[in-house]
Amino acid sequence: MDRNALYLLAADLILVTHVLFVAFVVCGLLLILLGRLRKWHWVRNPWFRLLHVVAIGVVVLQSWLGAICPLTIWEMALRERAGEATYSGSFIAYWLGSLLYYRLPDWVFVLCYTVFGALVAGSWFWVPPRPFGRRHHDHN
């Protein structure tokens, strides 16, 4: 395998990781809310919830600071080293813009991240996690 192919493989692995991160953040909130309605006890797992709120917190903070996600930066650097075309801006802005065939101003994405982050924070109170160290036991 030549060096360019290795760079592209590494870039693709970062892209897959990025997609999984986004899926975790988005689907995590949906599962938390659905889990409350369905009485799924696992959605109150404090480690899952802490990881989830930190994940969206990082995204919101990056958007407020105008920073591009490190995963995007690393992926684009690897693609450039492999001689492949790259895109500019953030991962979400690029892909949502591509999917919708519409470019939105950066402030729209900052607002969306902030609102989504507020929803995740609100879910912390609507579906509070169990305290650390306490396990759920069903007595059915």
N, C-alpha and C. Protein backbone atom coordinates (compact mmCIF):
# COMPACT_ATOMS: atom_id res chain seq x y z
N MET A 1 0.86 -1.17 0.00
CA MET A 1 0.00 0.00 0.00
C MET A 1 0.91 1.24 0.00
N ASP A 2 0.67 2.16 -0.93
CA ASP A 2 1.52 3.34 -1.00
C ASP A 2 1.12 4.38 0.06
N ARG A 3 1.97 5.37 0.22
CA ARG A 3 1.77 6.39 1.26
C ARG A 3 0.46 7.15 1.06
N ASN A 4 0.12 7.51 -0.17
CA ASN A 4 -1.13 8.24 -0.42
C ASN A 4 -2.35 7.43 -0.01
N ALA A 5 -2.31 6.14 -0.29
CA ALA A 5 -3.42 5.27 0.08
C ALA A 5 -3.55 5.19 1.60
N LEU A 6 -2.43 5.18 2.31
CA LEU A 6 -2.47 5.17 3.78
C LEU A 6 -3.06 6.47 4.32
N TYR A 7 -2.68 7.60 3.72
CA TYR A 7 -3.26 8.88 4.14
C TYR A 7 -4.77 8.89 3.92
N LEU A 8 -5.19 8.37 2.76
CA LEU A 8 -6.63 8.34 2.48
C LEU A 8 -7.37 7.40 3.42
N LEU A 9 -6.76 6.28 3.73
CA LEU A 9 -7.38 5.35 4.68
C LEU A 9 -7.52 6.00 6.06
N ALA A 10 -6.46 6.68 6.51
CA ALA A 10 -6.52 7.37 7.80
C ALA A 10 -7.59 8.47 7.77
N ALA A 11 -7.68 9.22 6.67
CA ALA A 11 -8.69 10.27 6.54
C ALA A 11 -10.09 9.67 6.58
N ASP A 12 -10.29 8.54 5.91
CA ASP A 12 -11.60 7.88 5.92
C ASP A 12 -11.95 7.36 7.31
N LEU A 13 -10.96 6.87 8.04
CA LEU A 13 -11.21 6.41 9.41
C LEU A 13 -11.62 7.58 10.31
N ILE A 14 -10.98 8.71 10.11
CA ILE A 14 -11.36 9.90 10.87
C ILE A 14 -12.77 10.34 10.50
N LEU A 15 -13.10 10.29 9.21
CA LEU A 15 -14.44 10.64 8.76
C LEU A 15 -15.49 9.72 9.39
N VAL A 16 -15.22 8.43 9.41
CA VAL A 16 -16.15 7.47 10.04
C VAL A 16 -16.29 7.79 11.53
N THR A 17 -15.18 8.08 12.19
CA THR A 17 -15.23 8.45 13.61
C THR A 17 -16.08 9.70 13.80
N HIS A 18 -15.92 10.66 12.91
CA HIS A 18 -16.69 11.90 12.98
C HIS A 18 -18.19 11.63 12.82
N VAL A 19 -18.53 10.80 11.86
CA VAL A 19 -19.94 10.45 11.64
C VAL A 19 -20.50 9.73 12.87
N LEU A 20 -19.73 8.82 13.45
CA LEU A 20 -20.18 8.12 14.66
C LEU A 20 -20.36 9.08 15.83
N PHE A 21 -19.47 10.06 15.94
CA PHE A 21 -19.59 11.08 16.99
C PHE A 21 -20.89 11.86 16.83
N VAL A 22 -21.15 12.32 15.61
CA VAL A 22 -22.38 13.07 15.34
C VAL A 22 -23.60 12.19 15.61
N ALA A 23 -23.57 10.94 15.19
CA ALA A 23 -24.68 10.02 15.44
C ALA A 23 -24.90 9.81 16.94
N PHE A 24 -23.81 9.70 17.70
CA PHE A 24 -23.91 9.54 19.15
C PHE A 24 -24.60 10.75 19.77
N VAL A 25 -24.22 11.95 19.35
CA VAL A 25 -24.80 13.16 19.93
C VAL A 25 -26.28 13.27 19.56
N VAL A 26 -26.60 13.11 18.29
CA VAL A 26 -27.98 13.29 17.83
C VAL A 26 -28.87 12.14 18.31
N CYS A 27 -28.45 10.91 18.04
CA CYS A 27 -29.27 9.76 18.43
C CYS A 27 -29.32 9.60 19.95
N GLY A 28 -28.24 10.01 20.62
CA GLY A 28 -28.23 9.93 22.08
C GLY A 28 -29.37 10.73 22.68
N LEU A 29 -29.57 11.96 22.21
CA LEU A 29 -30.67 12.77 22.74
C LEU A 29 -32.01 12.12 22.42
N LEU A 30 -32.18 11.67 21.20
CA LEU A 30 -33.44 11.02 20.83
C LEU A 30 -33.72 9.80 21.69
N LEU A 31 -32.68 9.00 21.95
CA LEU A 31 -32.85 7.81 22.79
C LEU A 31 -33.13 8.16 24.25
N ILE A 32 -32.52 9.23 24.74
CA ILE A 32 -32.79 9.67 26.11
C ILE A 32 -34.25 10.06 26.26
N LEU A 33 -34.73 10.86 25.32
CA LEU A 33 -36.13 11.31 25.39
C LEU A 33 -37.09 10.15 25.21
N LEU A 34 -36.82 9.29 24.24
CA LEU A 34 -37.66 8.12 24.03
C LEU A 34 -37.57 7.18 25.24
N GLY A 35 -36.37 7.06 25.78
CA GLY A 35 -36.17 6.19 26.94
C GLY A 35 -36.96 6.62 28.15
N ARG A 36 -37.13 7.91 28.31
CA ARG A 36 -37.95 8.38 29.43
C ARG A 36 -39.39 7.95 29.24
N LEU A 37 -39.89 8.11 28.02
CA LEU A 37 -41.27 7.73 27.73
C LEU A 37 -41.47 6.21 27.83
N ARG A 38 -40.46 5.46 27.41
CA ARG A 38 -40.55 3.99 27.40
C ARG A 38 -40.05 3.36 28.71
N LYS A 39 -39.57 4.21 29.63
CA LYS A 39 -39.04 3.76 30.93
C LYS A 39 -37.83 2.84 30.78
N TRP A 40 -36.94 3.20 29.84
CA TRP A 40 -35.68 2.48 29.67
C TRP A 40 -34.72 2.98 30.73
N HIS A 41 -34.31 2.12 31.61
CA HIS A 41 -33.44 2.54 32.71
C HIS A 41 -32.02 2.86 32.25
N TRP A 42 -31.57 2.26 31.16
CA TRP A 42 -30.20 2.47 30.73
C TRP A 42 -29.93 3.91 30.31
N VAL A 43 -30.99 4.66 29.92
CA VAL A 43 -30.77 6.05 29.51
C VAL A 43 -30.42 6.95 30.70
N ARG A 44 -30.54 6.43 31.90
CA ARG A 44 -30.16 7.20 33.09
C ARG A 44 -28.76 6.84 33.57
N ASN A 45 -28.04 6.03 32.78
CA ASN A 45 -26.67 5.67 33.14
C ASN A 45 -25.83 6.94 33.22
N PRO A 46 -25.22 7.21 34.38
CA PRO A 46 -24.51 8.48 34.53
C PRO A 46 -23.29 8.62 33.62
N TRP A 47 -22.61 7.53 33.29
CA TRP A 47 -21.44 7.62 32.40
C TRP A 47 -21.87 7.95 30.98
N PHE A 48 -22.92 7.32 30.51
CA PHE A 48 -23.47 7.62 29.18
C PHE A 48 -23.90 9.08 29.13
N ARG A 49 -24.62 9.53 30.15
CA ARG A 49 -25.14 10.89 30.15
C ARG A 49 -24.03 11.93 30.24
N LEU A 50 -23.02 11.66 31.06
CA LEU A 50 -21.90 12.59 31.18
C LEU A 50 -21.14 12.69 29.86
N LEU A 51 -20.87 11.55 29.25
CA LEU A 51 -20.19 11.54 27.96
C LEU A 51 -21.01 12.29 26.91
N HIS A 52 -22.31 12.11 26.94
CA HIS A 52 -23.19 12.76 25.98
C HIS A 52 -23.19 14.27 26.16
N VAL A 53 -23.33 14.75 27.38
CA VAL A 53 -23.38 16.19 27.61
C VAL A 53 -22.02 16.83 27.34
N VAL A 54 -20.93 16.14 27.63
CA VAL A 54 -19.61 16.67 27.32
C VAL A 54 -19.41 16.75 25.81
N ALA A 55 -19.88 15.73 25.09
CA ALA A 55 -19.73 15.71 23.63
C ALA A 55 -20.40 16.92 22.98
N ILE A 56 -21.65 17.19 23.35
CA ILE A 56 -22.32 18.34 22.74
C ILE A 56 -21.76 19.64 23.30
N GLY A 57 -21.30 19.63 24.53
CA GLY A 57 -20.67 20.81 25.11
C GLY A 57 -19.44 21.24 24.33
N VAL A 58 -18.63 20.28 23.91
CA VAL A 58 -17.44 20.57 23.11
C VAL A 58 -17.85 21.18 21.77
N VAL A 59 -18.87 20.62 21.16
CA VAL A 59 -19.35 21.14 19.86
C VAL A 59 -19.84 22.58 20.00
N VAL A 60 -20.65 22.83 21.03
CA VAL A 60 -21.19 24.17 21.25
C VAL A 60 -20.05 25.16 21.52
N LEU A 61 -19.12 24.78 22.38
CA LEU A 61 -17.99 25.66 22.69
C LEU A 61 -17.16 25.98 21.45
N GLN A 62 -16.89 24.96 20.64
CA GLN A 62 -16.16 25.18 19.39
C GLN A 62 -16.89 26.17 18.49
N SER A 63 -18.21 26.02 18.40
CA SER A 63 -18.97 26.92 17.52
C SER A 63 -18.95 28.34 18.05
N TRP A 64 -19.06 28.51 19.36
CA TRP A 64 -19.01 29.87 19.93
C TRP A 64 -17.65 30.52 19.70
N LEU A 65 -16.59 29.71 19.75
CA LEU A 65 -15.23 30.24 19.56
C LEU A 65 -14.85 30.37 18.08
N GLY A 66 -15.72 29.88 17.20
CA GLY A 66 -15.43 29.93 15.77
C GLY A 66 -14.35 28.94 15.36
N ALA A 67 -14.17 27.90 16.16
CA ALA A 67 -13.13 26.90 15.90
C ALA A 67 -13.69 25.77 15.04
N ILE A 68 -12.87 25.27 14.17
CA ILE A 68 -13.25 24.10 13.36
C ILE A 68 -12.87 22.86 14.14
N CYS A 69 -13.70 21.85 14.08
CA CYS A 69 -13.47 20.60 14.81
C CYS A 69 -12.12 20.00 14.44
N PRO A 70 -11.36 19.55 15.44
CA PRO A 70 -10.06 18.92 15.16
C PRO A 70 -10.18 17.71 14.23
N LEU A 71 -11.27 16.98 14.31
CA LEU A 71 -11.44 15.83 13.41
C LEU A 71 -11.48 16.29 11.96
N THR A 72 -12.15 17.40 11.71
CA THR A 72 -12.20 17.96 10.35
C THR A 72 -10.81 18.39 9.90
N ILE A 73 -10.10 19.07 10.78
CA ILE A 73 -8.76 19.55 10.45
C ILE A 73 -7.84 18.37 10.12
N TRP A 74 -7.86 17.33 10.94
CA TRP A 74 -7.00 16.16 10.71
C TRP A 74 -7.37 15.44 9.42
N GLU A 75 -8.68 15.28 9.21
CA GLU A 75 -9.13 14.60 7.99
C GLU A 75 -8.67 15.36 6.75
N MET A 76 -8.87 16.68 6.74
CA MET A 76 -8.50 17.48 5.58
C MET A 76 -6.98 17.50 5.37
N ALA A 77 -6.20 17.54 6.45
CA ALA A 77 -4.74 17.51 6.33
C ALA A 77 -4.29 16.20 5.69
N LEU A 78 -4.90 15.10 6.09
CA LEU A 78 -4.54 13.80 5.51
C LEU A 78 -4.95 13.72 4.04
N ARG A 79 -6.12 14.23 3.72
CA ARG A 79 -6.57 14.21 2.32
C ARG A 79 -5.65 15.09 1.45
N GLU A 80 -5.25 16.23 1.99
CA GLU A 80 -4.35 17.12 1.25
C GLU A 80 -3.00 16.44 1.03
N ARG A 81 -2.47 15.76 2.04
CA ARG A 81 -1.19 15.06 1.89
C ARG A 81 -1.28 13.95 0.86
N ALA A 82 -2.48 13.39 0.71
CA ALA A 82 -2.68 12.33 -0.28
C ALA A 82 -2.93 12.90 -1.67
N GLY A 83 -3.03 14.24 -1.76
CA GLY A 83 -3.26 14.86 -3.06
C GLY A 83 -4.72 14.89 -3.45
N GLU A 84 -5.61 14.67 -2.50
CA GLU A 84 -7.05 14.65 -2.79
C GLU A 84 -7.66 16.01 -2.48
N ALA A 85 -8.79 16.30 -3.10
CA ALA A 85 -9.50 17.56 -2.86
C ALA A 85 -10.03 17.59 -1.44
N THR A 86 -10.11 18.80 -0.87
CA THR A 86 -10.63 18.99 0.48
C THR A 86 -11.78 19.97 0.42
N TYR A 87 -12.48 20.10 1.55
CA TYR A 87 -13.54 21.10 1.66
C TYR A 87 -13.17 22.07 2.76
N SER A 88 -13.83 23.23 2.74
CA SER A 88 -13.53 24.23 3.76
C SER A 88 -14.69 24.32 4.74
N GLY A 89 -14.44 24.91 5.88
CA GLY A 89 -15.48 25.08 6.89
C GLY A 89 -15.62 23.86 7.77
N SER A 90 -16.70 23.82 8.51
CA SER A 90 -16.89 22.73 9.46
C SER A 90 -17.52 21.52 8.77
N PHE A 91 -17.33 20.38 9.39
CA PHE A 91 -17.86 19.10 8.92
C PHE A 91 -19.38 19.19 8.73
N ILE A 92 -20.08 19.63 9.77
CA ILE A 92 -21.55 19.68 9.71
C ILE A 92 -22.00 20.69 8.66
N ALA A 93 -21.39 21.87 8.66
CA ALA A 93 -21.79 22.90 7.69
C ALA A 93 -21.61 22.37 6.27
N TYR A 94 -20.49 21.70 6.02
CA TYR A 94 -20.23 21.17 4.68
C TYR A 94 -21.27 20.12 4.29
N TRP A 95 -21.45 19.11 5.14
CA TRP A 95 -22.33 18.01 4.78
C TRP A 95 -23.79 18.40 4.76
N LEU A 96 -24.24 19.21 5.71
CA LEU A 96 -25.62 19.67 5.67
C LEU A 96 -25.85 20.54 4.44
N GLY A 97 -24.89 21.41 4.18
CA GLY A 97 -24.99 22.24 2.97
C GLY A 97 -25.04 21.41 1.72
N SER A 98 -24.22 20.37 1.68
CA SER A 98 -24.20 19.48 0.51
C SER A 98 -25.51 18.72 0.38
N LEU A 99 -26.03 18.23 1.51
CA LEU A 99 -27.28 17.46 1.47
C LEU A 99 -28.46 18.33 1.05
N LEU A 100 -28.46 19.55 1.50
CA LEU A 100 -29.58 20.44 1.21
C LEU A 100 -29.38 21.27 -0.06
N TYR A 101 -28.19 21.16 -0.68
CA TYR A 101 -27.83 21.97 -1.83
C TYR A 101 -27.97 23.45 -1.51
N TYR A 102 -27.68 23.79 -0.28
CA TYR A 102 -27.87 25.15 0.17
C TYR A 102 -26.80 25.49 1.18
N ARG A 103 -26.15 26.62 1.01
CA ARG A 103 -25.13 27.08 1.95
C ARG A 103 -25.81 28.01 2.95
N LEU A 104 -25.56 27.78 4.21
CA LEU A 104 -26.11 28.63 5.26
C LEU A 104 -24.98 29.41 5.92
N PRO A 105 -25.28 30.59 6.43
CA PRO A 105 -24.24 31.35 7.13
C PRO A 105 -23.81 30.61 8.40
N ASP A 106 -22.58 30.86 8.83
CA ASP A 106 -22.05 30.18 10.01
C ASP A 106 -22.91 30.39 11.24
N TRP A 107 -23.52 31.58 11.38
CA TRP A 107 -24.32 31.85 12.58
C TRP A 107 -25.50 30.89 12.71
N VAL A 108 -26.01 30.39 11.59
CA VAL A 108 -27.12 29.44 11.64
C VAL A 108 -26.67 28.14 12.32
N PHE A 109 -25.47 27.70 11.99
CA PHE A 109 -24.96 26.48 12.61
C PHE A 109 -24.64 26.69 14.09
N VAL A 110 -24.10 27.87 14.41
CA VAL A 110 -23.84 28.20 15.82
C VAL A 110 -25.16 28.17 16.60
N LEU A 111 -26.20 28.75 16.04
CA LEU A 111 -27.51 28.75 16.69
C LEU A 111 -28.05 27.32 16.84
N CYS A 112 -27.94 26.52 15.78
CA CYS A 112 -28.43 25.13 15.84
C CYS A 112 -27.68 24.33 16.90
N TYR A 113 -26.35 24.47 16.94
CA TYR A 113 -25.56 23.76 17.95
C TYR A 113 -25.97 24.21 19.35
N THR A 114 -26.18 25.50 19.52
CA THR A 114 -26.54 26.04 20.83
C THR A 114 -27.91 25.53 21.27
N VAL A 115 -28.88 25.57 20.37
CA VAL A 115 -30.22 25.08 20.70
C VAL A 115 -30.17 23.58 21.02
N PHE A 116 -29.44 22.83 20.21
CA PHE A 116 -29.33 21.39 20.47
C PHE A 116 -28.65 21.14 21.81
N GLY A 117 -27.60 21.91 22.09
CA GLY A 117 -26.92 21.80 23.39
C GLY A 117 -27.86 22.11 24.54
N ALA A 118 -28.72 23.12 24.37
CA ALA A 118 -29.69 23.46 25.41
C ALA A 118 -30.69 22.32 25.60
N LEU A 119 -31.08 21.67 24.51
CA LEU A 119 -31.98 20.52 24.62
C LEU A 119 -31.32 19.38 25.40
N VAL A 120 -30.05 19.12 25.12
CA VAL A 120 -29.32 18.08 25.86
C VAL A 120 -29.24 18.45 27.33
N ALA A 121 -28.91 19.72 27.61
CA ALA A 121 -28.85 20.16 29.01
C ALA A 121 -30.21 20.03 29.68
N GLY A 122 -31.27 20.39 28.97
CA GLY A 122 -32.62 20.24 29.51
C GLY A 122 -32.98 18.79 29.77
N SER A 123 -32.49 17.89 28.91
CA SER A 123 -32.79 16.47 29.12
C SER A 123 -32.15 15.95 30.40
N TRP A 124 -31.05 16.61 30.83
CA TRP A 124 -30.37 16.22 32.08
C TRP A 124 -31.34 16.37 33.25
N PHE A 125 -32.21 17.37 33.18
CA PHE A 125 -33.16 17.62 34.25
C PHE A 125 -34.47 16.87 34.04
N TRP A 126 -34.91 16.73 32.79
CA TRP A 126 -36.16 16.03 32.50
C TRP A 126 -35.99 14.53 32.68
N VAL A 127 -34.82 14.01 32.33
CA VAL A 127 -34.48 12.60 32.47
C VAL A 127 -33.17 12.54 33.26
N PRO A 128 -33.23 12.79 34.56
CA PRO A 128 -31.97 12.86 35.33
C PRO A 128 -31.25 11.52 35.37
N PRO A 129 -29.92 11.57 35.24
CA PRO A 129 -29.16 10.32 35.35
C PRO A 129 -29.14 9.84 36.79
N ARG A 130 -28.93 8.53 36.95
CA ARG A 130 -28.74 7.98 38.29
C ARG A 130 -27.46 8.54 38.87
N PRO A 131 -27.35 8.59 40.18
CA PRO A 131 -26.06 8.99 40.77
C PRO A 131 -24.98 7.96 40.42
N PHE A 132 -23.74 8.41 40.33
CA PHE A 132 -22.63 7.50 40.07
C PHE A 132 -22.54 6.46 41.19
N GLY A 133 -22.25 5.23 40.81
CA GLY A 133 -22.08 4.16 41.78
C GLY A 133 -23.35 3.45 42.16
N ARG A 134 -24.50 3.95 41.73
CA ARG A 134 -25.77 3.30 42.04
C ARG A 134 -26.30 2.60 40.81
N ARG A 135 -26.57 1.36 40.90
CA ARG A 135 -27.11 0.58 39.79
C ARG A 135 -28.61 0.42 39.94
N HIS A 136 -29.28 0.31 38.80
CA HIS A 136 -30.73 0.08 38.81
C HIS A 136 -31.00 -1.41 38.97
N HIS A 137 -31.92 -1.73 39.82
CA HIS A 137 -32.34 -3.13 40.00
C HIS A 137 -33.85 -3.19 39.82
N ASP A 138 -34.28 -4.01 38.89
CA ASP A 138 -35.73 -4.23 38.71
C ASP A 138 -36.22 -5.23 39.73
N HIS A 139 -37.37 -4.96 40.29
CA HIS A 139 -37.97 -5.87 41.25
C HIS A 139 -39.29 -6.40 40.71
N ASN A 140 -39.27 -6.85 39.47
CA ASN A 140 -40.51 -7.35 38.85
C ASN A 140 -40.73 -8.79 39.18
